[in-house]
Amino acid sequence: MRITPRKEEIDAVKALLEDPGFDSADQMAKALIKEVGEILQMRDWVALVHTWSDGSRGLNWAPFGNAAEAEAFAKKVSVGGSGRLVKLHSPGVMLANIDGKKGWKGYCQHSECGHAPFTHSAASAARGACQIPTCPCDKFRK
């Protein structure tokens, strides 16, 4: 699985690495593993779904970062039968649309919001107030 780090992902990990509040390396390691797990949960992935030549279900492999990576893998392992690619949509994005994801690209940058653009009302060509009832955001900020 190839991962190209994104700015918001680097910033989240750096914040933990620079946090003086950890009492031990174990505490920091646990926090980093949890954070990286949440970061990866925000990504869409690709799975390679395999079917044997007789039509029965075969072997499945995932996650791949993109279709090209999955196709390259399929050419290398060549186990017979056929395969197709299936996009695995991010559960983290779905939760972030509801709960907010502060500081993440594409989400509202209002300090108390962090919700997806579609949760904000249409205000001509822009986006207005967040429609999540508990959110105090008055305007979508890029």
C-alpha atoms as a PDB file:
ATOM      1  CA  MET A   1       0.000   0.000   0.000  1.00  0.00           C
ATOM      2  CA  ARG A   2       1.528   3.266  -1.117  1.00  0.00           C
ATOM      3  CA  ILE A   3       0.755   6.290   1.008  1.00  0.00           C
ATOM      4  CA  THR A   4       1.527   9.862   0.028  1.00  0.00           C
ATOM      5  CA  PRO A   5       1.238  12.001   3.171  1.00  0.00           C
ATOM      6  CA  ARG A   6      -1.058  15.027   2.921  1.00  0.00           C
ATOM      7  CA  LYS A   7      -0.463  18.356   4.647  1.00  0.00           C
ATOM      8  CA  GLU A   8      -3.280  17.946   7.209  1.00  0.00           C
ATOM      9  CA  GLU A   9      -2.026  14.426   8.018  1.00  0.00           C
ATOM     10  CA  ILE A  10       1.533  15.642   8.556  1.00  0.00           C
ATOM     11  CA  ASP A  11       0.267  18.492  10.755  1.00  0.00           C
ATOM     12  CA  ALA A  12      -1.747  16.091  12.937  1.00  0.00           C
ATOM     13  CA  VAL A  13       1.236  13.765  13.477  1.00  0.00           C
ATOM     14  CA  LYS A  14       3.635  16.682  14.065  1.00  0.00           C
ATOM     15  CA  ALA A  15       1.311  18.077  16.740  1.00  0.00           C
ATOM     16  CA  LEU A  16       1.565  14.791  18.642  1.00  0.00           C
ATOM     17  CA  LEU A  17       5.334  14.529  18.214  1.00  0.00           C
ATOM     18  CA  GLU A  18       5.798  18.069  19.535  1.00  0.00           C
ATOM     19  CA  ASP A  19       3.333  17.666  22.434  1.00  0.00           C
ATOM     20  CA  PRO A  20       5.251  17.880  25.739  1.00  0.00           C
ATOM     21  CA  GLY A  21       2.346  16.327  27.668  1.00  0.00           C
ATOM     22  CA  PHE A  22       3.384  12.698  27.221  1.00  0.00           C
ATOM     23  CA  ASP A  23       4.938  11.021  30.268  1.00  0.00           C
ATOM     24  CA  SER A  24       6.478   8.151  28.306  1.00  0.00           C
ATOM     25  CA  ALA A  25       7.360   6.947  24.829  1.00  0.00           C
ATOM     26  CA  ASP A  26       4.639   4.283  25.214  1.00  0.00           C
ATOM     27  CA  GLN A  27       1.962   6.965  25.707  1.00  0.00           C
ATOM     28  CA  MET A  28       3.179   8.859  22.652  1.00  0.00           C
ATOM     29  CA  ALA A  29       3.355   5.671  20.556  1.00  0.00           C
ATOM     30  CA  LYS A  30      -0.245   4.753  21.469  1.00  0.00           C
ATOM     31  CA  ALA A  31      -1.438   8.267  20.601  1.00  0.00           C
ATOM     32  CA  LEU A  32       0.436   8.183  17.272  1.00  0.00           C
ATOM     33  CA  ILE A  33      -0.985   4.789  16.308  1.00  0.00           C
ATOM     34  CA  LYS A  34      -4.530   5.973  17.083  1.00  0.00           C
ATOM     35  CA  GLU A  35      -4.002   9.205  15.142  1.00  0.00           C
ATOM     36  CA  VAL A  36      -2.570   7.433  12.090  1.00  0.00           C
ATOM     37  CA  GLY A  37      -5.515   5.003  12.227  1.00  0.00           C
ATOM     38  CA  GLU A  38      -7.930   7.941  12.144  1.00  0.00           C
ATOM     39  CA  ILE A  39      -5.943   9.536   9.324  1.00  0.00           C
ATOM     40  CA  LEU A  40      -6.109   6.370   7.217  1.00  0.00           C
ATOM     41  CA  GLN A  41      -9.823   6.069   7.983  1.00  0.00           C
ATOM     42  CA  MET A  42     -10.296   9.376   6.125  1.00  0.00           C
ATOM     43  CA  ARG A  43      -9.059   7.870   2.856  1.00  0.00           C
ATOM     44  CA  ASP A  44     -10.866   5.953   0.153  1.00  0.00           C
ATOM     45  CA  TRP A  45      -9.186   2.682  -0.849  1.00  0.00           C
ATOM     46  CA  VAL A  46      -9.440   0.131  -3.634  1.00  0.00           C
ATOM     47  CA  ALA A  47      -9.952  -3.627  -3.276  1.00  0.00           C
ATOM     48  CA  LEU A  48      -9.177  -6.298  -5.846  1.00  0.00           C
ATOM     49  CA  VAL A  49     -12.063  -8.801  -5.920  1.00  0.00           C
ATOM     50  CA  HIS A  50     -11.176 -12.131  -7.520  1.00  0.00           C
ATOM     51  CA  THR A  51     -13.358 -14.798  -9.127  1.00  0.00           C
ATOM     52  CA  TRP A  52     -12.078 -18.271 -10.076  1.00  0.00           C
ATOM     53  CA  SER A  53     -12.448 -19.498 -13.677  1.00  0.00           C
ATOM     54  CA  ASP A  54     -15.474 -21.656 -12.708  1.00  0.00           C
ATOM     55  CA  GLY A  55     -17.282 -18.524 -11.462  1.00  0.00           C
ATOM     56  CA  SER A  56     -16.910 -19.237  -7.749  1.00  0.00           C
ATOM     57  CA  ARG A  57     -15.752 -16.588  -5.323  1.00  0.00           C
ATOM     58  CA  GLY A  58     -12.036 -16.276  -5.152  1.00  0.00           C
ATOM     59  CA  LEU A  59      -9.474 -14.341  -3.177  1.00  0.00           C
ATOM     60  CA  ASN A  60      -9.808 -10.669  -2.308  1.00  0.00           C
ATOM     61  CA  TRP A  61      -7.010  -8.219  -1.548  1.00  0.00           C
ATOM     62  CA  ALA A  62      -7.063  -4.740  -0.034  1.00  0.00           C
ATOM     63  CA  PRO A  63      -6.324  -2.015   0.699  1.00  0.00           C
ATOM     64  CA  PHE A  64      -4.676  -0.378  -2.282  1.00  0.00           C
ATOM     65  CA  GLY A  65      -4.204   3.373  -2.475  1.00  0.00           C
ATOM     66  CA  ASN A  66      -5.454   3.591  -6.064  1.00  0.00           C
ATOM     67  CA  ALA A  67      -6.543   1.514  -9.060  1.00  0.00           C
ATOM     68  CA  ALA A  68      -3.086   1.507 -10.684  1.00  0.00           C
ATOM     69  CA  GLU A  69      -1.537  -0.027  -7.559  1.00  0.00           C
ATOM     70  CA  ALA A  70      -4.228  -2.746  -7.455  1.00  0.00           C
ATOM     71  CA  GLU A  71      -3.821  -3.509 -11.172  1.00  0.00           C
ATOM     72  CA  ALA A  72      -0.027  -3.782 -10.834  1.00  0.00           C
ATOM     73  CA  PHE A  73      -0.513  -6.225  -7.943  1.00  0.00           C
ATOM     74  CA  ALA A  74      -2.994  -8.296  -9.998  1.00  0.00           C
ATOM     75  CA  LYS A  75      -0.459  -8.630 -12.856  1.00  0.00           C
ATOM     76  CA  LYS A  76       2.267  -9.806 -10.456  1.00  0.00           C
ATOM     77  CA  VAL A  77       0.239 -12.486  -8.638  1.00  0.00           C
ATOM     78  CA  SER A  78      -1.724 -13.836 -11.638  1.00  0.00           C
ATOM     79  CA  VAL A  79      -3.617 -16.648  -9.859  1.00  0.00           C
ATOM     80  CA  GLY A  80      -6.080 -17.456 -12.648  1.00  0.00           C
ATOM     81  CA  GLY A  81      -9.669 -16.455 -13.013  1.00  0.00           C
ATOM     82  CA  SER A  82     -10.615 -12.815 -13.240  1.00  0.00           C
ATOM     83  CA  GLY A  83     -10.608  -9.797 -11.004  1.00  0.00           C
ATOM     84  CA  ARG A  84     -12.314  -6.461 -10.698  1.00  0.00           C
ATOM     85  CA  LEU A  85     -11.675  -3.353  -8.684  1.00  0.00           C
ATOM     86  CA  VAL A  86     -14.059  -2.137  -6.014  1.00  0.00           C
ATOM     87  CA  LYS A  87     -13.806   1.278  -4.400  1.00  0.00           C
ATOM     88  CA  LEU A  88     -13.907   1.166  -0.596  1.00  0.00           C
ATOM     89  CA  HIS A  89     -15.438   4.417   0.593  1.00  0.00           C
ATOM     90  CA  SER A  90     -14.038   6.008   3.714  1.00  0.00           C
ATOM     91  CA  PRO A  91     -16.013   5.532   6.927  1.00  0.00           C
ATOM     92  CA  GLY A  92     -14.010   8.429   8.401  1.00  0.00           C
ATOM     93  CA  VAL A  93     -15.323  10.849   5.785  1.00  0.00           C
ATOM     94  CA  MET A  94     -18.897   9.801   6.563  1.00  0.00           C
ATOM     95  CA  LEU A  95     -18.319  10.400  10.283  1.00  0.00           C
ATOM     96  CA  ALA A  96     -16.511  13.695   9.609  1.00  0.00           C
ATOM     97  CA  ASN A  97     -19.504  14.914   7.620  1.00  0.00           C
ATOM     98  CA  ILE A  98     -21.584  14.434  10.768  1.00  0.00           C
ATOM     99  CA  ASP A  99     -19.128  15.096  13.616  1.00  0.00           C
ATOM    100  CA  GLY A 100     -16.778  17.514  11.829  1.00  0.00           C
ATOM    101  CA  LYS A 101     -13.074  17.195  11.101  1.00  0.00           C
ATOM    102  CA  LYS A 102     -11.359  20.364  12.232  1.00  0.00           C
ATOM    103  CA  GLY A 103      -8.396  21.505  10.172  1.00  0.00           C
ATOM    104  CA  TRP A 104      -8.930  19.027   7.313  1.00  0.00           C
ATOM    105  CA  LYS A 105      -8.827  20.212   3.696  1.00  0.00           C
ATOM    106  CA  GLY A 106     -12.287  20.547   2.169  1.00  0.00           C
ATOM    107  CA  TYR A 107     -14.057  20.944   5.508  1.00  0.00           C
ATOM    108  CA  CYS A 108     -15.116  24.243   7.070  1.00  0.00           C
ATOM    109  CA  GLN A 109     -12.147  25.942   8.757  1.00  0.00           C
ATOM    110  CA  HIS A 110     -14.327  27.806  11.313  1.00  0.00           C
ATOM    111  CA  SER A 111     -12.747  27.081  14.708  1.00  0.00           C
ATOM    112  CA  GLU A 112     -15.890  25.408  16.088  1.00  0.00           C
ATOM    113  CA  CYS A 113     -17.255  23.771  12.929  1.00  0.00           C
ATOM    114  CA  GLY A 114     -15.192  21.434  10.740  1.00  0.00           C
ATOM    115  CA  HIS A 115     -18.252  20.100   8.872  1.00  0.00           C
ATOM    116  CA  ALA A 116     -18.500  19.267   5.164  1.00  0.00           C
ATOM    117  CA  PRO A 117     -19.498  21.992   2.665  1.00  0.00           C
ATOM    118  CA  PHE A 118     -22.890  20.395   1.959  1.00  0.00           C
ATOM    119  CA  THR A 119     -23.897  20.830   5.617  1.00  0.00           C
ATOM    120  CA  HIS A 120     -23.820  24.616   5.048  1.00  0.00           C
ATOM    121  CA  SER A 121     -26.754  26.450   3.472  1.00  0.00           C
ATOM    122  CA  ALA A 122     -26.428  27.792  -0.046  1.00  0.00           C
ATOM    123  CA  ALA A 123     -25.784  31.538   0.016  1.00  0.00           C
ATOM    124  CA  SER A 124     -25.710  32.547  -3.673  1.00  0.00           C
ATOM    125  CA  ALA A 125     -22.400  31.255  -5.083  1.00  0.00           C
ATOM    126  CA  ALA A 126     -20.969  30.610  -1.609  1.00  0.00           C
ATOM    127  CA  ARG A 127     -21.978  28.567   1.439  1.00  0.00           C
ATOM    128  CA  GLY A 128     -23.631  30.133   4.460  1.00  0.00           C
ATOM    129  CA  ALA A 129     -24.365  28.958   7.981  1.00  0.00           C
ATOM    130  CA  CYS A 130     -23.847  25.345   9.025  1.00  0.00           C
ATOM    131  CA  GLN A 131     -27.135  23.451   9.235  1.00  0.00           C
ATOM    132  CA  ILE A 132     -26.002  21.067  11.999  1.00  0.00           C
ATOM    133  CA  PRO A 133     -28.226  22.271  14.881  1.00  0.00           C
ATOM    134  CA  THR A 134     -25.487  22.312  17.535  1.00  0.00           C
ATOM    135  CA  CYS A 135     -22.927  24.123  15.341  1.00  0.00           C
ATOM    136  CA  PRO A 136     -22.404  27.884  15.892  1.00  0.00           C
ATOM    137  CA  CYS A 137     -20.799  28.419  12.451  1.00  0.00           C
ATOM    138  CA  ASP A 138     -22.384  31.324  10.532  1.00  0.00           C
ATOM    139  CA  LYS A 139     -20.458  30.925   7.245  1.00  0.00           C
ATOM    140  CA  PHE A 140     -18.421  28.213   5.484  1.00  0.00           C
ATOM    141  CA  ARG A 141     -14.739  29.125   5.619  1.00  0.00           C
ATOM    142  CA  LYS A 142     -12.171  27.695   3.216  1.00  0.00           C
END
